[in-house]
Amino acid sequence: MKRIITYGTFDMLHYGHINLLKRAKEMGDYLIVVLSTDEFNWDSKQKKTYFSYEKRKQLLEAIRYVDLVIPEESWEQKVSDVKLYQVNTFVMGDDWRGQFDFIQEETDAEVVYLARTPEISTTQIKKDLNKKSLVTEHISKVE
């Protein structure tokens, strides 16, 4: 069995996430998604998620490409996860290109960076929603 692993926050799940998970799953038989906990997001990434860890986990578990969801609690756990789950391929979006090459050196897993879906990102969705909110607020003040 060929095992694949990927990491992420997966907040405000969108079709770009689904594309990434589908393509990762196509590389093997079993896809493990390591989901950043709320604490890890806040303490290490200074990111506040819209949905809680449990809600994001529930969404990921409902996706047919995902076989297992486990928590990400530190940057350092990646090598131990790959070894523990006997992972063959470590997959990340290409915006992380080169950042995890050390995993291939420290384990037997291949590291693959997949192209993101160019026209969509959680960051862009949040920016767009914020702009719309500001415009709506401005219009209501004018009226």
C-alpha atoms as a PDB file:
ATOM      1  CA  MET A   1       0.000   0.000   0.000  1.00  0.00           C
ATOM      2  CA  LYS A   2       1.367   3.410  -0.988  1.00  0.00           C
ATOM      3  CA  ARG A   3       0.773   6.028   1.714  1.00  0.00           C
ATOM      4  CA  ILE A   4       0.609   9.765   1.056  1.00  0.00           C
ATOM      5  CA  ILE A   5       0.711  12.537   3.661  1.00  0.00           C
ATOM      6  CA  THR A   6      -0.083  16.240   3.435  1.00  0.00           C
ATOM      7  CA  TYR A   7      -0.390  19.077   5.931  1.00  0.00           C
ATOM      8  CA  GLY A   8      -2.544  22.158   6.217  1.00  0.00           C
ATOM      9  CA  THR A   9      -5.029  24.322   8.041  1.00  0.00           C
ATOM     10  CA  PHE A  10      -7.872  23.766   5.546  1.00  0.00           C
ATOM     11  CA  ASP A  11      -9.895  26.668   6.930  1.00  0.00           C
ATOM     12  CA  MET A  12     -12.793  27.833   4.788  1.00  0.00           C
ATOM     13  CA  LEU A  13     -12.576  24.691   2.666  1.00  0.00           C
ATOM     14  CA  HIS A  14     -12.820  25.438  -1.073  1.00  0.00           C
ATOM     15  CA  TYR A  15     -12.340  23.728  -4.445  1.00  0.00           C
ATOM     16  CA  GLY A  16      -8.605  24.471  -4.454  1.00  0.00           C
ATOM     17  CA  HIS A  17      -8.276  22.327  -1.326  1.00  0.00           C
ATOM     18  CA  ILE A  18     -10.341  19.574  -2.958  1.00  0.00           C
ATOM     19  CA  ASN A  19      -8.130  19.683  -6.074  1.00  0.00           C
ATOM     20  CA  LEU A  20      -5.001  19.328  -3.947  1.00  0.00           C
ATOM     21  CA  LEU A  21      -6.439  16.420  -1.928  1.00  0.00           C
ATOM     22  CA  LYS A  22      -7.670  14.640  -5.072  1.00  0.00           C
ATOM     23  CA  ARG A  23      -4.287  14.952  -6.775  1.00  0.00           C
ATOM     24  CA  ALA A  24      -2.484  13.810  -3.635  1.00  0.00           C
ATOM     25  CA  LYS A  25      -4.759  10.757  -3.333  1.00  0.00           C
ATOM     26  CA  GLU A  26      -4.114   9.867  -6.994  1.00  0.00           C
ATOM     27  CA  MET A  27      -0.440   9.396  -6.062  1.00  0.00           C
ATOM     28  CA  GLY A  28      -1.187   6.442  -3.792  1.00  0.00           C
ATOM     29  CA  ASP A  29      -3.683   4.258  -1.966  1.00  0.00           C
ATOM     30  CA  TYR A  30      -4.071   5.944   1.419  1.00  0.00           C
ATOM     31  CA  LEU A  31      -4.131   9.686   2.119  1.00  0.00           C
ATOM     32  CA  ILE A  32      -3.295  11.050   5.561  1.00  0.00           C
ATOM     33  CA  VAL A  33      -4.136  14.699   6.174  1.00  0.00           C
ATOM     34  CA  VAL A  34      -2.357  16.314   9.095  1.00  0.00           C
ATOM     35  CA  LEU A  35      -4.584  19.179  10.210  1.00  0.00           C
ATOM     36  CA  SER A  36      -3.162  22.128  12.128  1.00  0.00           C
ATOM     37  CA  THR A  37      -4.763  22.478  15.549  1.00  0.00           C
ATOM     38  CA  ASP A  38      -6.229  25.797  16.665  1.00  0.00           C
ATOM     39  CA  GLU A  39      -3.422  26.194  19.212  1.00  0.00           C
ATOM     40  CA  PHE A  40      -0.682  25.457  16.669  1.00  0.00           C
ATOM     41  CA  ASN A  41      -2.228  27.915  14.195  1.00  0.00           C
ATOM     42  CA  TRP A  42      -2.372  30.666  16.786  1.00  0.00           C
ATOM     43  CA  ASP A  43       0.846  30.023  18.735  1.00  0.00           C
ATOM     44  CA  SER A  44       3.153  29.132  15.829  1.00  0.00           C
ATOM     45  CA  LYS A  45       1.576  30.691  12.746  1.00  0.00           C
ATOM     46  CA  GLN A  46      -0.239  33.667  14.310  1.00  0.00           C
ATOM     47  CA  LYS A  47      -3.327  32.612  12.336  1.00  0.00           C
ATOM     48  CA  LYS A  48      -6.842  32.550  13.724  1.00  0.00           C
ATOM     49  CA  THR A  49      -9.097  30.106  11.953  1.00  0.00           C
ATOM     50  CA  TYR A  50     -12.748  30.745  11.222  1.00  0.00           C
ATOM     51  CA  PHE A  51     -13.700  27.111  11.914  1.00  0.00           C
ATOM     52  CA  SER A  52     -12.490  25.152  14.934  1.00  0.00           C
ATOM     53  CA  TYR A  53     -10.173  22.167  14.585  1.00  0.00           C
ATOM     54  CA  GLU A  54     -13.071  19.755  15.199  1.00  0.00           C
ATOM     55  CA  LYS A  55     -15.238  21.351  12.486  1.00  0.00           C
ATOM     56  CA  ARG A  56     -12.346  21.407   9.988  1.00  0.00           C
ATOM     57  CA  LYS A  57     -11.586  17.771  10.812  1.00  0.00           C
ATOM     58  CA  GLN A  58     -15.229  16.829  10.283  1.00  0.00           C
ATOM     59  CA  LEU A  59     -15.215  18.507   6.852  1.00  0.00           C
ATOM     60  CA  LEU A  60     -12.005  16.746   5.797  1.00  0.00           C
ATOM     61  CA  GLU A  61     -13.258  13.344   6.981  1.00  0.00           C
ATOM     62  CA  ALA A  62     -16.306  13.760   4.732  1.00  0.00           C
ATOM     63  CA  ILE A  63     -14.125  14.051   1.620  1.00  0.00           C
ATOM     64  CA  ARG A  64     -13.816  10.749  -0.228  1.00  0.00           C
ATOM     65  CA  TYR A  65     -10.114  11.231  -0.990  1.00  0.00           C
ATOM     66  CA  VAL A  66      -9.152  11.496   2.704  1.00  0.00           C
ATOM     67  CA  ASP A  67      -8.530   8.272   4.632  1.00  0.00           C
ATOM     68  CA  LEU A  68      -7.220   9.621   7.945  1.00  0.00           C
ATOM     69  CA  VAL A  69      -7.043  13.031   9.654  1.00  0.00           C
ATOM     70  CA  ILE A  70      -4.564  13.552  12.500  1.00  0.00           C
ATOM     71  CA  PRO A  71      -3.569  16.721  14.403  1.00  0.00           C
ATOM     72  CA  GLU A  72      -0.563  18.884  13.627  1.00  0.00           C
ATOM     73  CA  GLU A  73       0.730  20.327  16.877  1.00  0.00           C
ATOM     74  CA  SER A  74       4.278  21.392  15.915  1.00  0.00           C
ATOM     75  CA  TRP A  75       6.493  22.111  12.909  1.00  0.00           C
ATOM     76  CA  GLU A  76       8.888  19.406  14.081  1.00  0.00           C
ATOM     77  CA  GLN A  77       6.506  16.434  13.914  1.00  0.00           C
ATOM     78  CA  LYS A  78       6.700  15.937  10.136  1.00  0.00           C
ATOM     79  CA  VAL A  79       9.655  13.520  10.110  1.00  0.00           C
ATOM     80  CA  SER A  80       8.210  11.453  12.965  1.00  0.00           C
ATOM     81  CA  ASP A  81       4.776  11.358  11.245  1.00  0.00           C
ATOM     82  CA  VAL A  82       6.343  10.096   8.012  1.00  0.00           C
ATOM     83  CA  LYS A  83       8.172   7.360   9.913  1.00  0.00           C
ATOM     84  CA  LEU A  84       5.249   6.429  12.211  1.00  0.00           C
ATOM     85  CA  TYR A  85       2.720   6.107   9.376  1.00  0.00           C
ATOM     86  CA  GLN A  86       5.240   4.520   6.958  1.00  0.00           C
ATOM     87  CA  VAL A  87       4.610   7.234   4.374  1.00  0.00           C
ATOM     88  CA  ASN A  88       5.906   6.852   0.820  1.00  0.00           C
ATOM     89  CA  THR A  89       5.161  10.367  -0.442  1.00  0.00           C
ATOM     90  CA  PHE A  90       5.048  13.712   1.374  1.00  0.00           C
ATOM     91  CA  VAL A  91       2.918  16.231  -0.558  1.00  0.00           C
ATOM     92  CA  MET A  92       2.628  19.988  -0.145  1.00  0.00           C
ATOM     93  CA  GLY A  93       1.495  22.903  -2.283  1.00  0.00           C
ATOM     94  CA  ASP A  94       4.190  24.450  -4.439  1.00  0.00           C
ATOM     95  CA  ASP A  95       4.147  27.664  -2.415  1.00  0.00           C
ATOM     96  CA  TRP A  96       6.241  25.593   0.038  1.00  0.00           C
ATOM     97  CA  ARG A  97       8.739  24.468  -2.658  1.00  0.00           C
ATOM     98  CA  GLY A  98      12.086  23.550  -1.123  1.00  0.00           C
ATOM     99  CA  GLN A  99      10.936  24.011   2.483  1.00  0.00           C
ATOM    100  CA  PHE A 100      10.542  20.290   3.190  1.00  0.00           C
ATOM    101  CA  ASP A 101      13.288  18.733   1.082  1.00  0.00           C
ATOM    102  CA  PHE A 102      14.979  17.649   4.333  1.00  0.00           C
ATOM    103  CA  ILE A 103      12.206  15.074   4.821  1.00  0.00           C
ATOM    104  CA  GLN A 104      13.433  13.143   1.793  1.00  0.00           C
ATOM    105  CA  GLU A 105      16.948  13.199   3.252  1.00  0.00           C
ATOM    106  CA  GLU A 106      15.829  12.015   6.717  1.00  0.00           C
ATOM    107  CA  THR A 107      13.278   9.377   5.625  1.00  0.00           C
ATOM    108  CA  ASP A 108      12.560   7.110   2.669  1.00  0.00           C
ATOM    109  CA  ALA A 109       9.641   9.312   1.566  1.00  0.00           C
ATOM    110  CA  GLU A 110       9.607  11.187  -1.721  1.00  0.00           C
ATOM    111  CA  VAL A 111       8.754  14.905  -1.386  1.00  0.00           C
ATOM    112  CA  VAL A 112       6.393  16.319  -4.019  1.00  0.00           C
ATOM    113  CA  TYR A 113       5.199  19.912  -4.383  1.00  0.00           C
ATOM    114  CA  LEU A 114       1.897  20.201  -6.246  1.00  0.00           C
ATOM    115  CA  ALA A 115       0.825  23.340  -8.094  1.00  0.00           C
ATOM    116  CA  ARG A 116      -1.956  25.197  -6.335  1.00  0.00           C
ATOM    117  CA  THR A 117      -5.216  26.060  -8.050  1.00  0.00           C
ATOM    118  CA  PRO A 118      -4.153  29.544  -9.182  1.00  0.00           C
ATOM    119  CA  GLU A 119      -7.375  31.510  -8.953  1.00  0.00           C
ATOM    120  CA  ILE A 120      -8.404  30.503  -5.411  1.00  0.00           C
ATOM    121  CA  SER A 121      -6.942  30.709  -1.914  1.00  0.00           C
ATOM    122  CA  THR A 122      -8.301  31.091   1.596  1.00  0.00           C
ATOM    123  CA  THR A 123      -6.269  34.291   1.985  1.00  0.00           C
ATOM    124  CA  GLN A 124      -7.879  35.752  -1.140  1.00  0.00           C
ATOM    125  CA  ILE A 125     -11.372  34.728  -0.021  1.00  0.00           C
ATOM    126  CA  LYS A 126     -10.826  36.487   3.330  1.00  0.00           C
ATOM    127  CA  LYS A 127      -9.526  39.629   1.568  1.00  0.00           C
ATOM    128  CA  ASP A 128     -12.462  39.665  -0.857  1.00  0.00           C
ATOM    129  CA  LEU A 129     -15.010  39.182   1.927  1.00  0.00           C
ATOM    130  CA  ASN A 130     -13.377  41.947   3.944  1.00  0.00           C
ATOM    131  CA  LYS A 131     -13.536  44.328   0.950  1.00  0.00           C
ATOM    132  CA  LYS A 132     -17.216  43.536   0.413  1.00  0.00           C
ATOM    133  CA  SER A 133     -17.890  44.073   4.104  1.00  0.00           C
ATOM    134  CA  LEU A 134     -16.172  47.475   4.025  1.00  0.00           C
ATOM    135  CA  VAL A 135     -18.114  48.529   0.912  1.00  0.00           C
ATOM    136  CA  THR A 136     -21.420  47.451   2.486  1.00  0.00           C
ATOM    137  CA  GLU A 137     -20.541  49.332   5.672  1.00  0.00           C
ATOM    138  CA  HIS A 138     -19.681  52.447   3.663  1.00  0.00           C
ATOM    139  CA  ILE A 139     -22.924  52.268   1.632  1.00  0.00           C
ATOM    140  CA  SER A 140     -25.029  51.921   4.792  1.00  0.00           C
ATOM    141  CA  LYS A 141     -23.320  54.997   6.280  1.00  0.00           C
ATOM    142  CA  VAL A 142     -24.016  57.027   3.114  1.00  0.00           C
ATOM    143  CA  GLU A 143     -27.689  56.078   3.119  1.00  0.00           C
END
